[in-house]
Amino acid sequence: MIDTNITGTLYLLHKLGGRMQAEGRGKILVTGSIPGFMPGSFQAVYNGTKAFVDSFAAALRNELKDSGVTVTCLMRDATDTEFFARADCLTRRLVPRRRWTRPRWPRSDSRRCRTEKPMSWPA
């Protein structure tokens, strides 16, 4: 999880963000998470890595603000996929099912990158 959410994000943003900055244009959409703003029992590492991503995206957006590159952090909550069943999380009720959103990636979420908002929450 740390390799994916932190190391992978840093690696890709360093490679692609540097190119975008050199070209003077580009749009970066980072997948953050609402749990990054709160402690999470039984998912502390996940919430911690997403806290890093959320904070990093905000800082990167500020650093690149005059470069022609925008950074938007998509704030996802629990998405109705097979993940919770496969991770045996349904019995722990970490996230009430009524709060789950339907998966709509990438079409609806990629449009959010066109906005100038620093963070975007799915409707």
PDB file of N, CA and C in Angstrom:
ATOM      1  N   MET A   1       0.818  -1.183   0.000  1.00  0.00           N
ATOM      2  CA  MET A   1       0.000   0.000   0.000  1.00  0.00           C
ATOM      3  C   MET A   1       0.874   1.264   0.000  1.00  0.00           C
ATOM      4  N   ILE A   2       1.924   1.259   0.761  1.00  0.00           N
ATOM      5  CA  ILE A   2       2.830   2.412   0.786  1.00  0.00           C
ATOM      6  C   ILE A   2       3.520   2.551  -0.571  1.00  0.00           C
ATOM      7  N   ASP A   3       3.930   1.431  -1.146  1.00  0.00           N
ATOM      8  CA  ASP A   3       4.575   1.489  -2.466  1.00  0.00           C
ATOM      9  C   ASP A   3       3.621   2.042  -3.521  1.00  0.00           C
ATOM     10  N   THR A   4       2.380   1.621  -3.487  1.00  0.00           N
ATOM     11  CA  THR A   4       1.411   2.081  -4.487  1.00  0.00           C
ATOM     12  C   THR A   4       1.014   3.531  -4.253  1.00  0.00           C
ATOM     13  N   ASN A   5       0.540   3.834  -3.047  1.00  0.00           N
ATOM     14  CA  ASN A   5      -0.042   5.150  -2.795  1.00  0.00           C
ATOM     15  C   ASN A   5       0.984   6.263  -2.624  1.00  0.00           C
ATOM     16  N   ILE A   6       2.150   5.948  -2.107  1.00  0.00           N
ATOM     17  CA  ILE A   6       3.148   7.001  -1.887  1.00  0.00           C
ATOM     18  C   ILE A   6       4.280   6.909  -2.911  1.00  0.00           C
ATOM     19  N   THR A   7       4.997   5.804  -2.916  1.00  0.00           N
ATOM     20  CA  THR A   7       6.156   5.681  -3.799  1.00  0.00           C
ATOM     21  C   THR A   7       5.748   5.768  -5.268  1.00  0.00           C
ATOM     22  N   GLY A   8       4.706   5.050  -5.648  1.00  0.00           N
ATOM     23  CA  GLY A   8       4.249   5.080  -7.043  1.00  0.00           C
ATOM     24  C   GLY A   8       3.774   6.453  -7.465  1.00  0.00           C
ATOM     25  N   THR A   9       3.035   7.120  -6.589  1.00  0.00           N
ATOM     26  CA  THR A   9       2.549   8.467  -6.893  1.00  0.00           C
ATOM     27  C   THR A   9       3.713   9.435  -7.077  1.00  0.00           C
ATOM     28  N   LEU A  10       4.678   9.376  -6.160  1.00  0.00           N
ATOM     29  CA  LEU A  10       5.843  10.264  -6.275  1.00  0.00           C
ATOM     30  C   LEU A  10       6.630   9.992  -7.557  1.00  0.00           C
ATOM     31  N   TYR A  11       6.840   8.726  -7.869  1.00  0.00           N
ATOM     32  CA  TYR A  11       7.615   8.365  -9.059  1.00  0.00           C
ATOM     33  C   TYR A  11       6.944   8.907 -10.328  1.00  0.00           C
ATOM     34  N   LEU A  12       5.647   8.628 -10.464  1.00  0.00           N
ATOM     35  CA  LEU A  12       4.940   9.070 -11.677  1.00  0.00           C
ATOM     36  C   LEU A  12       4.862  10.585 -11.772  1.00  0.00           C
ATOM     37  N   LEU A  13       4.568  11.240 -10.658  1.00  0.00           N
ATOM     38  CA  LEU A  13       4.469  12.697 -10.705  1.00  0.00           C
ATOM     39  C   LEU A  13       5.816  13.354 -10.979  1.00  0.00           C
ATOM     40  N   HIS A  14       6.884  12.763 -10.484  1.00  0.00           N
ATOM     41  CA  HIS A  14       8.212  13.304 -10.770  1.00  0.00           C
ATOM     42  C   HIS A  14       8.518  13.196 -12.263  1.00  0.00           C
ATOM     43  N   LYS A  15       8.237  12.023 -12.833  1.00  0.00           N
ATOM     44  CA  LYS A  15       8.515  11.823 -14.263  1.00  0.00           C
ATOM     45  C   LYS A  15       7.622  12.684 -15.148  1.00  0.00           C
ATOM     46  N   LEU A  16       6.313  12.586 -14.938  1.00  0.00           N
ATOM     47  CA  LEU A  16       5.374  13.275 -15.821  1.00  0.00           C
ATOM     48  C   LEU A  16       5.243  14.755 -15.500  1.00  0.00           C
ATOM     49  N   GLY A  17       5.241  15.085 -14.215  1.00  0.00           N
ATOM     50  CA  GLY A  17       5.119  16.485 -13.822  1.00  0.00           C
ATOM     51  C   GLY A  17       6.287  17.322 -14.293  1.00  0.00           C
ATOM     52  N   GLY A  18       7.485  16.737 -14.260  1.00  0.00           N
ATOM     53  CA  GLY A  18       8.655  17.453 -14.756  1.00  0.00           C
ATOM     54  C   GLY A  18       8.547  17.768 -16.244  1.00  0.00           C
ATOM     55  N   ARG A  19       8.035  16.812 -17.009  1.00  0.00           N
ATOM     56  CA  ARG A  19       7.843  17.053 -18.454  1.00  0.00           C
ATOM     57  C   ARG A  19       6.804  18.132 -18.702  1.00  0.00           C
ATOM     58  N   MET A  20       5.688  18.047 -17.946  1.00  0.00           N
ATOM     59  CA  MET A  20       4.632  19.049 -18.101  1.00  0.00           C
ATOM     60  C   MET A  20       5.147  20.439 -17.751  1.00  0.00           C
ATOM     61  N   GLN A  21       5.903  20.514 -16.676  1.00  0.00           N
ATOM     62  CA  GLN A  21       6.454  21.801 -16.257  1.00  0.00           C
ATOM     63  C   GLN A  21       7.395  22.352 -17.331  1.00  0.00           C
ATOM     64  N   ALA A  22       8.217  21.504 -17.912  1.00  0.00           N
ATOM     65  CA  ALA A  22       9.144  21.945 -18.966  1.00  0.00           C
ATOM     66  C   ALA A  22       8.378  22.448 -20.189  1.00  0.00           C
ATOM     67  N   GLU A  23       7.232  21.825 -20.489  1.00  0.00           N
ATOM     68  CA  GLU A  23       6.410  22.249 -21.625  1.00  0.00           C
ATOM     69  C   GLU A  23       5.531  23.445 -21.288  1.00  0.00           C
ATOM     70  N   GLY A  24       5.388  23.743 -20.002  1.00  0.00           N
ATOM     71  CA  GLY A  24       4.586  24.888 -19.591  1.00  0.00           C
ATOM     72  C   GLY A  24       3.097  24.651 -19.617  1.00  0.00           C
ATOM     73  N   ARG A  25       2.699  23.388 -19.629  1.00  0.00           N
ATOM     74  CA  ARG A  25       1.265  23.085 -19.624  1.00  0.00           C
ATOM     75  C   ARG A  25       1.040  21.641 -19.195  1.00  0.00           C
ATOM     76  N   GLY A  26      -0.146  21.391 -18.689  1.00  0.00           N
ATOM     77  CA  GLY A  26      -0.517  20.038 -18.295  1.00  0.00           C
ATOM     78  C   GLY A  26      -1.521  20.038 -17.162  1.00  0.00           C
ATOM     79  N   LYS A  27      -2.184  18.909 -17.007  1.00  0.00           N
ATOM     80  CA  LYS A  27      -3.180  18.741 -15.954  1.00  0.00           C
ATOM     81  C   LYS A  27      -2.916  17.410 -15.263  1.00  0.00           C
ATOM     82  N   ILE A  28      -2.797  17.467 -13.953  1.00  0.00           N
ATOM     83  CA  ILE A  28      -2.534  16.277 -13.162  1.00  0.00           C
ATOM     84  C   ILE A  28      -3.750  16.012 -12.283  1.00  0.00           C
ATOM     85  N   LEU A  29      -4.269  14.798 -12.330  1.00  0.00           N
ATOM     86  CA  LEU A  29      -5.374  14.375 -11.480  1.00  0.00           C
ATOM     87  C   LEU A  29      -4.849  13.279 -10.564  1.00  0.00           C
ATOM     88  N   VAL A  30      -4.772  13.582  -9.277  1.00  0.00           N
ATOM     89  CA  VAL A  30      -4.261  12.651  -8.281  1.00  0.00           C
ATOM     90  C   VAL A  30      -5.454  12.033  -7.559  1.00  0.00           C
ATOM     91  N   THR A  31      -5.406  10.736  -7.323  1.00  0.00           N
ATOM     92  CA  THR A  31      -6.495  10.075  -6.610  1.00  0.00           C
ATOM     93  C   THR A  31      -6.221  10.102  -5.117  1.00  0.00           C
ATOM     94  N   GLY A  32      -6.850  11.054  -4.446  1.00  0.00           N
ATOM     95  CA  GLY A  32      -6.769  11.151  -2.992  1.00  0.00           C
ATOM     96  C   GLY A  32      -7.884  10.314  -2.386  1.00  0.00           C
ATOM     97  N   SER A  33      -8.265  10.655  -1.188  1.00  0.00           N
ATOM     98  CA  SER A  33      -9.346   9.927  -0.538  1.00  0.00           C
ATOM     99  C   SER A  33      -9.830  10.701   0.662  1.00  0.00           C
ATOM    100  N   ILE A  34     -11.123  10.708   0.865  1.00  0.00           N
ATOM    101  CA  ILE A  34     -11.705  11.366   2.031  1.00  0.00           C
ATOM    102  C   ILE A  34     -11.135  10.791   3.325  1.00  0.00           C
ATOM    103  N   PRO A  35     -10.912   9.470   3.444  1.00  0.00           N
ATOM    104  CA  PRO A  35     -10.308   8.948   4.676  1.00  0.00           C
ATOM    105  C   PRO A  35      -8.926   9.524   4.989  1.00  0.00           C
ATOM    106  N   GLY A  36      -8.287  10.179   4.060  1.00  0.00           N
ATOM    107  CA  GLY A  36      -7.012  10.822   4.341  1.00  0.00           C
ATOM    108  C   GLY A  36      -7.125  11.973   5.326  1.00  0.00           C
ATOM    109  N   PHE A  37      -8.350  12.415   5.587  1.00  0.00           N
ATOM    110  CA  PHE A  37      -8.578  13.503   6.524  1.00  0.00           C
ATOM    111  C   PHE A  37      -8.945  13.026   7.928  1.00  0.00           C
ATOM    112  N   MET A  38      -8.976  11.697   8.136  1.00  0.00           N
ATOM    113  CA  MET A  38      -9.407  11.201   9.445  1.00  0.00           C
ATOM    114  C   MET A  38      -8.632   9.949   9.833  1.00  0.00           C
ATOM    115  N   PRO A  39      -8.498   9.709  11.124  1.00  0.00           N
ATOM    116  CA  PRO A  39      -7.875   8.450  11.535  1.00  0.00           C
ATOM    117  C   PRO A  39      -8.811   7.298  11.197  1.00  0.00           C
ATOM    118  N   GLY A  40      -8.267   6.148  10.911  1.00  0.00           N
ATOM    119  CA  GLY A  40      -9.111   5.030  10.521  1.00  0.00           C
ATOM    120  C   GLY A  40      -8.748   3.752  11.235  1.00  0.00           C
ATOM    121  N   SER A  41      -9.549   3.376  12.191  1.00  0.00           N
ATOM    122  CA  SER A  41      -9.321   2.103  12.879  1.00  0.00           C
ATOM    123  C   SER A  41      -9.386   0.962  11.870  1.00  0.00           C
ATOM    124  N   PHE A  42      -8.466   0.036  11.974  1.00  0.00           N
ATOM    125  CA  PHE A  42      -8.353  -1.136  11.110  1.00  0.00           C
ATOM    126  C   PHE A  42      -7.943  -0.783   9.685  1.00  0.00           C
ATOM    127  N   GLN A  43      -7.663   0.466   9.401  1.00  0.00           N
ATOM    128  CA  GLN A  43      -7.163   0.876   8.087  1.00  0.00           C
ATOM    129  C   GLN A  43      -6.215   2.059   8.231  1.00  0.00           C
ATOM    130  N   ALA A  44      -5.425   2.029   9.290  1.00  0.00           N
ATOM    131  CA  ALA A  44      -4.536   3.142   9.612  1.00  0.00           C
ATOM    132  C   ALA A  44      -3.498   3.400   8.528  1.00  0.00           C
ATOM    133  N   VAL A  45      -2.941   2.344   7.950  1.00  0.00           N
ATOM    134  CA  VAL A  45      -1.929   2.543   6.910  1.00  0.00           C
ATOM    135  C   VAL A  45      -2.565   3.166   5.675  1.00  0.00           C
ATOM    136  N   TYR A  46      -3.734   2.671   5.268  1.00  0.00           N
ATOM    137  CA  TYR A  46      -4.419   3.241   4.106  1.00  0.00           C
ATOM    138  C   TYR A  46      -4.703   4.724   4.342  1.00  0.00           C
ATOM    139  N   ASN A  47      -5.333   5.047   5.470  1.00  0.00           N
ATOM    140  CA  ASN A  47      -5.665   6.441   5.740  1.00  0.00           C
ATOM    141  C   ASN A  47      -4.400   7.300   5.806  1.00  0.00           C
ATOM    142  N   GLY A  48      -3.344   6.758   6.382  1.00  0.00           N
ATOM    143  CA  GLY A  48      -2.086   7.495   6.453  1.00  0.00           C
ATOM    144  C   GLY A  48      -1.486   7.768   5.087  1.00  0.00           C
ATOM    145  N   THR A  49      -1.527   6.766   4.198  1.00  0.00           N
ATOM    146  CA  THR A  49      -0.975   6.986   2.855  1.00  0.00           C
ATOM    147  C   THR A  49      -1.821   7.986   2.078  1.00  0.00           C
ATOM    148  N   LYS A  50      -3.122   7.945   2.268  1.00  0.00           N
ATOM    149  CA  LYS A  50      -3.985   8.900   1.569  1.00  0.00           C
ATOM    150  C   LYS A  50      -3.841  10.302   2.149  1.00  0.00           C
ATOM    151  N   ALA A  51      -3.548  10.409   3.445  1.00  0.00           N
ATOM    152  CA  ALA A  51      -3.263  11.721   4.027  1.00  0.00           C
ATOM    153  C   ALA A  51      -2.029  12.318   3.348  1.00  0.00           C
ATOM    154  N   PHE A  52      -1.029  11.464   3.110  1.00  0.00           N
ATOM    155  CA  PHE A  52       0.159  11.922   2.401  1.00  0.00           C
ATOM    156  C   PHE A  52      -0.208  12.405   1.003  1.00  0.00           C
ATOM    157  N   VAL A  53      -0.972  11.612   0.270  1.00  0.00           N
ATOM    158  CA  VAL A  53      -1.338  11.963  -1.105  1.00  0.00           C
ATOM    159  C   VAL A  53      -2.120  13.273  -1.135  1.00  0.00           C
ATOM    160  N   ASP A  54      -3.104  13.410  -0.232  1.00  0.00           N
ATOM    161  CA  ASP A  54      -3.911  14.628  -0.200  1.00  0.00           C
ATOM    162  C   ASP A  54      -3.026  15.852   0.063  1.00  0.00           C
ATOM    163  N   SER A  55      -2.143  15.751   1.038  1.00  0.00           N
ATOM    164  CA  SER A  55      -1.262  16.857   1.403  1.00  0.00           C
ATOM    165  C   SER A  55      -0.249  17.144   0.297  1.00  0.00           C
ATOM    166  N   PHE A  56       0.327  16.096  -0.275  1.00  0.00           N
ATOM    167  CA  PHE A  56       1.311  16.259  -1.336  1.00  0.00           C
ATOM    168  C   PHE A  56       0.694  16.948  -2.552  1.00  0.00           C
ATOM    169  N   ALA A  57      -0.511  16.541  -2.914  1.00  0.00           N
ATOM    170  CA  ALA A  57      -1.179  17.144  -4.071  1.00  0.00           C
ATOM    171  C   ALA A  57      -1.418  18.635  -3.851  1.00  0.00           C
ATOM    172  N   ALA A  58      -1.836  19.003  -2.633  1.00  0.00           N
ATOM    173  CA  ALA A  58      -2.066  20.416  -2.334  1.00  0.00           C
ATOM    174  C   ALA A  58      -0.756  21.208  -2.412  1.00  0.00           C
ATOM    175  N   ALA A  59       0.315  20.646  -1.874  1.00  0.00           N
ATOM    176  CA  ALA A  59       1.612  21.324  -1.924  1.00  0.00           C
ATOM    177  C   ALA A  59       2.125  21.434  -3.356  1.00  0.00           C
ATOM    178  N   LEU A  60       2.001  20.351  -4.134  1.00  0.00           N
ATOM    179  CA  LEU A  60       2.458  20.366  -5.527  1.00  0.00           C
ATOM    180  C   LEU A  60       1.676  21.375  -6.346  1.00  0.00           C
ATOM    181  N   ARG A  61       0.376  21.459  -6.100  1.00  0.00           N
ATOM    182  CA  ARG A  61      -0.454  22.436  -6.805  1.00  0.00           C
ATOM    183  C   ARG A  61       0.079  23.846  -6.556  1.00  0.00           C
ATOM    184  N   ASN A  62       0.434  24.134  -5.318  1.00  0.00           N
ATOM    185  CA  ASN A  62       0.960  25.453  -4.983  1.00  0.00           C
ATOM    186  C   ASN A  62       2.318  25.692  -5.655  1.00  0.00           C
ATOM    187  N   GLU A  63       3.174  24.679  -5.652  1.00  0.00           N
ATOM    188  CA  GLU A  63       4.495  24.828  -6.270  1.00  0.00           C
ATOM    189  C   GLU A  63       4.408  25.057  -7.777  1.00  0.00           C
ATOM    190  N   LEU A  64       3.398  24.461  -8.414  1.00  0.00           N
ATOM    191  CA  LEU A  64       3.278  24.552  -9.873  1.00  0.00           C
ATOM    192  C   LEU A  64       2.298  25.625 -10.340  1.00  0.00           C
ATOM    193  N   LYS A  65       1.783  26.429  -9.438  1.00  0.00           N
ATOM    194  CA  LYS A  65       0.693  27.353  -9.769  1.00  0.00           C
ATOM    195  C   LYS A  65       1.015  28.324 -10.899  1.00  0.00           C
ATOM    196  N   ASP A  66       2.249  28.710 -11.076  1.00  0.00           N
ATOM    197  CA  ASP A  66       2.607  29.657 -12.137  1.00  0.00           C
ATOM    198  C   ASP A  66       3.273  28.982 -13.336  1.00  0.00           C
ATOM    199  N   SER A  67       3.202  27.661 -13.396  1.00  0.00           N
ATOM    200  CA  SER A  67       3.917  26.926 -14.441  1.00  0.00           C
ATOM    201  C   SER A  67       3.050  26.527 -15.629  1.00  0.00           C
ATOM    202  N   GLY A  68       1.727  26.707 -15.524  1.00  0.00           N
ATOM    203  CA  GLY A  68       0.829  26.226 -16.571  1.00  0.00           C
ATOM    204  C   GLY A  68       0.346  24.817 -16.316  1.00  0.00           C
ATOM    205  N   VAL A  69       0.782  24.214 -15.217  1.00  0.00           N
ATOM    206  CA  VAL A  69       0.366  22.853 -14.848  1.00  0.00           C
ATOM    207  C   VAL A  69      -0.572  22.967 -13.656  1.00  0.00           C
ATOM    208  N   THR A  70      -1.746  22.346 -13.784  1.00  0.00           N
ATOM    209  CA  THR A  70      -2.688  22.334 -12.668  1.00  0.00           C
ATOM    210  C   THR A  70      -2.681  20.953 -12.011  1.00  0.00           C
ATOM    211  N   VAL A  71      -2.969  20.940 -10.723  1.00  0.00           N
ATOM    212  CA  VAL A  71      -3.046  19.694  -9.962  1.00  0.00           C
ATOM    213  C   VAL A  71      -4.391  19.672  -9.252  1.00  0.00           C
ATOM    214  N   THR A  72      -5.157  18.627  -9.491  1.00  0.00           N
ATOM    215  CA  THR A  72      -6.444  18.431  -8.823  1.00  0.00           C
ATOM    216  C   THR A  72      -6.384  17.117  -8.074  1.00  0.00           C
ATOM    217  N   CYS A  73      -6.866  17.117  -6.847  1.00  0.00           N
ATOM    218  CA  CYS A  73      -6.894  15.903  -6.040  1.00  0.00           C
ATOM    219  C   CYS A  73      -8.335  15.424  -5.951  1.00  0.00           C
ATOM    220  N   LEU A  74      -8.619  14.282  -6.549  1.00  0.00           N
ATOM    221  CA  LEU A  74      -9.954  13.693  -6.525  1.00  0.00           C
ATOM    222  C   LEU A  74     -10.159  13.026  -5.174  1.00  0.00           C
ATOM    223  N   MET A  75     -11.175  13.436  -4.461  1.00  0.00           N
ATOM    224  CA  MET A  75     -11.451  12.914  -3.122  1.00  0.00           C
ATOM    225  C   MET A  75     -12.543  11.853  -3.185  1.00  0.00           C
ATOM    226  N   ARG A  76     -12.114  10.634  -3.253  1.00  0.00           N
ATOM    227  CA  ARG A  76     -13.041   9.507  -3.307  1.00  0.00           C
ATOM    228  C   ARG A  76     -13.373   9.029  -1.907  1.00  0.00           C
ATOM    229  N   ASP A  77     -14.583   8.522  -1.765  1.00  0.00           N
ATOM    230  CA  ASP A  77     -14.961   7.807  -0.548  1.00  0.00           C
ATOM    231  C   ASP A  77     -15.083   6.345  -0.946  1.00  0.00           C
ATOM    232  N   ALA A  78     -15.693   5.534  -0.139  1.00  0.00           N
ATOM    233  CA  ALA A  78     -15.836   4.108  -0.439  1.00  0.00           C
ATOM    234  C   ALA A  78     -16.584   3.926  -1.758  1.00  0.00           C
ATOM    235  N   THR A  79     -16.045   3.097  -2.619  1.00  0.00           N
ATOM    236  CA  THR A  79     -16.638   2.830  -3.922  1.00  0.00           C
ATOM    237  C   THR A  79     -17.125   1.393  -3.948  1.00  0.00           C
ATOM    238  N   ASP A  80     -18.294   1.190  -4.499  1.00  0.00           N
ATOM    239  CA  ASP A  80     -18.935  -0.117  -4.505  1.00  0.00           C
ATOM    240  C   ASP A  80     -18.237  -1.046  -5.507  1.00  0.00           C
ATOM    241  N   THR A  81     -17.196  -1.701  -5.040  1.00  0.00           N
ATOM    242  CA  THR A  81     -16.462  -2.679  -5.838  1.00  0.00           C
ATOM    243  C   THR A  81     -16.300  -3.946  -5.009  1.00  0.00           C
ATOM    244  N   GLU A  82     -15.579  -4.919  -5.539  1.00  0.00           N
ATOM    245  CA  GLU A  82     -15.344  -6.173  -4.821  1.00  0.00           C
ATOM    246  C   GLU A  82     -14.288  -6.028  -3.724  1.00  0.00           C
ATOM    247  N   PHE A  83     -13.657  -4.871  -3.615  1.00  0.00           N
ATOM    248  CA  PHE A  83     -12.556  -4.706  -2.675  1.00  0.00           C
ATOM    249  C   PHE A  83     -12.930  -5.082  -1.252  1.00  0.00           C
ATOM    250  N   PHE A  84     -14.029  -4.557  -0.743  1.00  0.00           N
ATOM    251  CA  PHE A  84     -14.381  -4.778   0.662  1.00  0.00           C
ATOM    252  C   PHE A  84     -14.647  -6.244   0.965  1.00  0.00           C
ATOM    253  N   ALA A  85     -15.282  -6.937   0.050  1.00  0.00           N
ATOM    254  CA  ALA A  85     -15.526  -8.367   0.262  1.00  0.00           C
ATOM    255  C   ALA A  85     -14.216  -9.147   0.221  1.00  0.00           C
ATOM    256  N   ARG A  86     -13.351  -8.830  -0.735  1.00  0.00           N
ATOM    257  CA  ARG A  86     -12.077  -9.543  -0.851  1.00  0.00           C
ATOM    258  C   ARG A  86     -11.155  -9.260   0.327  1.00  0.00           C
ATOM    259  N   ALA A  87     -11.254  -8.079   0.904  1.00  0.00           N
ATOM    260  CA  ALA A  87     -10.404  -7.722   2.038  1.00  0.00           C
ATOM    261  C   ALA A  87     -11.055  -8.102   3.369  1.00  0.00           C
ATOM    262  N   ASP A  88     -12.190  -8.777   3.317  1.00  0.00           N
ATOM    263  CA  ASP A  88     -12.916  -9.213   4.511  1.00  0.00           C
ATOM    264  C   ASP A  88     -13.247  -8.021   5.410  1.00  0.00           C
ATOM    265  N   CYS A  89     -13.687  -6.942   4.797  1.00  0.00           N
ATOM    266  CA  CYS A  89     -14.017  -5.734   5.561  1.00  0.00           C
ATOM    267  C   CYS A  89     -15.519  -5.555   5.755  1.00  0.00           C
ATOM    268  N   LEU A  90     -16.333  -6.366   5.099  1.00  0.00           N
ATOM    269  CA  LEU A  90     -17.769  -6.165   5.203  1.00  0.00           C
ATOM    270  C   LEU A  90     -18.276  -6.420   6.613  1.00  0.00           C
ATOM    271  N   THR A  91     -17.688  -7.366   7.317  1.00  0.00           N
ATOM    272  CA  THR A  91     -18.166  -7.678   8.660  1.00  0.00           C
ATOM    273  C   THR A  91     -17.734  -6.627   9.676  1.00  0.00           C
ATOM    274  N   ARG A  92     -16.705  -5.866   9.377  1.00  0.00           N
ATOM    275  CA  ARG A  92     -16.226  -4.842  10.315  1.00  0.00           C
ATOM    276  C   ARG A  92     -17.013  -3.542  10.204  1.00  0.00           C
ATOM    277  N   ARG A  93     -17.755  -3.394   9.120  1.00  0.00           N
ATOM    278  CA  ARG A  93     -18.572  -2.197   8.888  1.00  0.00           C
ATOM    279  C   ARG A  93     -17.745  -0.915   8.998  1.00  0.00           C
ATOM    280  N   LEU A  94     -16.606  -0.911   8.338  1.00  0.00           N
ATOM    281  CA  LEU A  94     -15.739   0.265   8.370  1.00  0.00           C
ATOM    282  C   LEU A  94     -16.415   1.468   7.730  1.00  0.00           C
ATOM    283  N   VAL A  95     -17.130   1.212   6.665  1.00  0.00           N
ATOM    284  CA  VAL A  95     -17.836   2.282   5.969  1.00  0.00           C
ATOM    285  C   VAL A  95     -19.270   1.813   5.760  1.00  0.00           C
ATOM    286  N   PRO A  96     -20.269   2.547   6.283  1.00  0.00           N
ATOM    287  CA  PRO A  96     -21.653   2.135   6.075  1.00  0.00           C
ATOM    288  C   PRO A  96     -21.970   2.042   4.591  1.00  0.00           C
ATOM    289  N   ARG A  97     -22.623   0.991   4.191  1.00  0.00           N
ATOM    290  CA  ARG A  97     -22.899   0.751   2.774  1.00  0.00           C
ATOM    291  C   ARG A  97     -23.670   1.902   2.137  1.00  0.00           C
ATOM    292  N   ARG A  98     -24.470   2.600   2.882  1.00  0.00           N
ATOM    293  CA  ARG A  98     -25.248   3.710   2.311  1.00  0.00           C
ATOM    294  C   ARG A  98     -24.344   4.835   1.804  1.00  0.00           C
ATOM    295  N   ARG A  99     -23.095   4.882   2.258  1.00  0.00           N
ATOM    296  CA  ARG A  99     -22.168   5.924   1.824  1.00  0.00           C
ATOM    297  C   ARG A  99     -21.355   5.530   0.599  1.00  0.00           C
ATOM    298  N   TRP A 100     -21.483   4.301   0.140  1.00  0.00           N
ATOM    299  CA  TRP A 100     -20.695   3.852  -1.004  1.00  0.00           C
ATOM    300  C   TRP A 100     -21.175   4.543  -2.271  1.00  0.00           C
ATOM    301  N   THR A 101     -20.234   4.855  -3.129  1.00  0.00           N
ATOM    302  CA  THR A 101     -20.582   5.434  -4.425  1.00  0.00           C
ATOM    303  C   THR A 101     -20.394   4.371  -5.501  1.00  0.00           C
ATOM    304  N   ARG A 102     -21.095   4.552  -6.599  1.00  0.00           N
ATOM    305  CA  ARG A 102     -20.935   3.624  -7.714  1.00  0.00           C
ATOM    306  C   ARG A 102     -19.649   3.958  -8.455  1.00  0.00           C
ATOM    307  N   PRO A 103     -18.928   2.947  -8.920  1.00  0.00           N
ATOM    308  CA  PRO A 103     -17.698   3.243  -9.674  1.00  0.00           C
ATOM    309  C   PRO A 103     -18.042   3.893 -11.010  1.00  0.00           C
ATOM    310  N   ARG A 104     -17.413   5.034 -11.297  1.00  0.00           N
ATOM    311  CA  ARG A 104     -17.648   5.738 -12.558  1.00  0.00           C
ATOM    312  C   ARG A 104     -16.342   6.157 -13.194  1.00  0.00           C
ATOM    313  N   TRP A 105     -15.267   5.545 -12.805  1.00  0.00           N
ATOM    314  CA  TRP A 105     -13.958   5.890 -13.322  1.00  0.00           C
ATOM    315  C   TRP A 105     -13.801   5.275 -14.690  1.00  0.00           C
ATOM    316  N   PRO A 106     -13.175   5.877 -15.649  1.00  0.00           N
ATOM    317  CA  PRO A 106     -12.497   7.167 -15.564  1.00  0.00           C
ATOM    318  C   PRO A 106     -13.293   8.327 -16.131  1.00  0.00           C
ATOM    319  N   ARG A 107     -14.370   8.052 -16.867  1.00  0.00           N
ATOM    320  CA  ARG A 107     -15.005   9.117 -17.633  1.00  0.00           C
ATOM    321  C   ARG A 107     -15.422  10.314 -16.782  1.00  0.00           C
ATOM    322  N   SER A 108     -16.241  10.107 -15.746  1.00  0.00           N
ATOM    323  CA  SER A 108     -16.738  11.250 -14.983  1.00  0.00           C
ATOM    324  C   SER A 108     -15.638  11.912 -14.168  1.00  0.00           C
ATOM    325  N   ASP A 109     -14.711  11.137 -13.636  1.00  0.00           N
ATOM    326  CA  ASP A 109     -13.670  11.713 -12.792  1.00  0.00           C
ATOM    327  C   ASP A 109     -12.617  12.455 -13.603  1.00  0.00           C
ATOM    328  N   SER A 110     -12.334  11.993 -14.806  1.00  0.00           N
ATOM    329  CA  SER A 110     -11.314  12.672 -15.598  1.00  0.00           C
ATOM    330  C   SER A 110     -11.779  14.070 -16.007  1.00  0.00           C
ATOM    331  N   ARG A 111     -13.088  14.293 -16.098  1.00  0.00           N
ATOM    332  CA  ARG A 111     -13.596  15.631 -16.403  1.00  0.00           C
ATOM    333  C   ARG A 111     -13.262  16.616 -15.285  1.00  0.00           C
ATOM    334  N   ARG A 112     -13.126  16.118 -14.073  1.00  0.00           N
ATOM    335  CA  ARG A 112     -12.842  16.982 -12.941  1.00  0.00           C
ATOM    336  C   ARG A 112     -11.465  17.633 -13.071  1.00  0.00           C
ATOM    337  N   CYS A 113     -10.602  17.026 -13.832  1.00  0.00           N
ATOM    338  CA  CYS A 113      -9.261  17.564 -14.041  1.00  0.00           C
ATOM    339  C   CYS A 113      -9.318  18.863 -14.836  1.00  0.00           C
ATOM    340  N   ARG A 114     -10.385  19.073 -15.577  1.00  0.00           N
ATOM    341  CA  ARG A 114     -10.510  20.282 -16.389  1.00  0.00           C
ATOM    342  C   ARG A 114     -10.888  21.496 -15.563  1.00  0.00           C
ATOM    343  N   THR A 115     -11.335  21.279 -14.333  1.00  0.00           N
ATOM    344  CA  THR A 115     -11.692  22.407 -13.483  1.00  0.00           C
ATOM    345  C   THR A 115     -10.428  23.001 -12.891  1.00  0.00           C
ATOM    346  N   GLU A 116     -10.552  24.137 -12.340  1.00  0.00           N
ATOM    347  CA  GLU A 116      -9.411  24.779 -11.681  1.00  0.00           C
ATOM    348  C   GLU A 116      -9.471  24.594 -10.174  1.00  0.00           C
ATOM    349  N   LYS A 117     -10.323  23.690  -9.705  1.00  0.00           N
ATOM    350  CA  LYS A 117     -10.468  23.460  -8.283  1.00  0.00           C
ATOM    351  C   LYS A 117      -9.310  22.606  -7.769  1.00  0.00           C
ATOM    352  N   PRO A 118      -8.819  22.893  -6.549  1.00  0.00           N
ATOM    353  CA  PRO A 118      -7.725  22.097  -5.999  1.00  0.00           C
ATOM    354  C   PRO A 118      -8.153  20.707  -5.584  1.00  0.00           C
ATOM    355  N   MET A 119      -9.420  20.551  -5.155  1.00  0.00           N
ATOM    356  CA  MET A 119      -9.921  19.249  -4.743  1.00  0.00           C
ATOM    357  C   MET A 119     -11.311  19.066  -5.321  1.00  0.00           C
ATOM    358  N   SER A 120     -11.651  17.827  -5.615  1.00  0.00           N
ATOM    359  CA  SER A 120     -12.921  17.540  -6.231  1.00  0.00           C
ATOM    360  C   SER A 120     -13.547  16.325  -5.583  1.00  0.00           C
ATOM    361  N   TRP A 121     -14.805  16.461  -5.186  1.00  0.00           N
ATOM    362  CA  TRP A 121     -15.546  15.354  -4.588  1.00  0.00           C
ATOM    363  C   TRP A 121     -16.586  14.872  -5.579  1.00  0.00           C
ATOM    364  N   PRO A 122     -16.674  13.550  -5.822  1.00  0.00           N
ATOM    365  CA  PRO A 122     -17.707  13.035  -6.708  1.00  0.00           C
ATOM    366  C   PRO A 122     -19.096  13.320  -6.150  1.00  0.00           C
ATOM    367  N   ALA A 123     -20.032  13.556  -7.027  1.00  0.00           N
ATOM    368  CA  ALA A 123     -21.416  13.839  -6.592  1.00  0.00           C
ATOM    369  C   ALA A 123     -22.115  12.580  -6.172  1.00  0.00           C
TER     370      ALA A 123
END
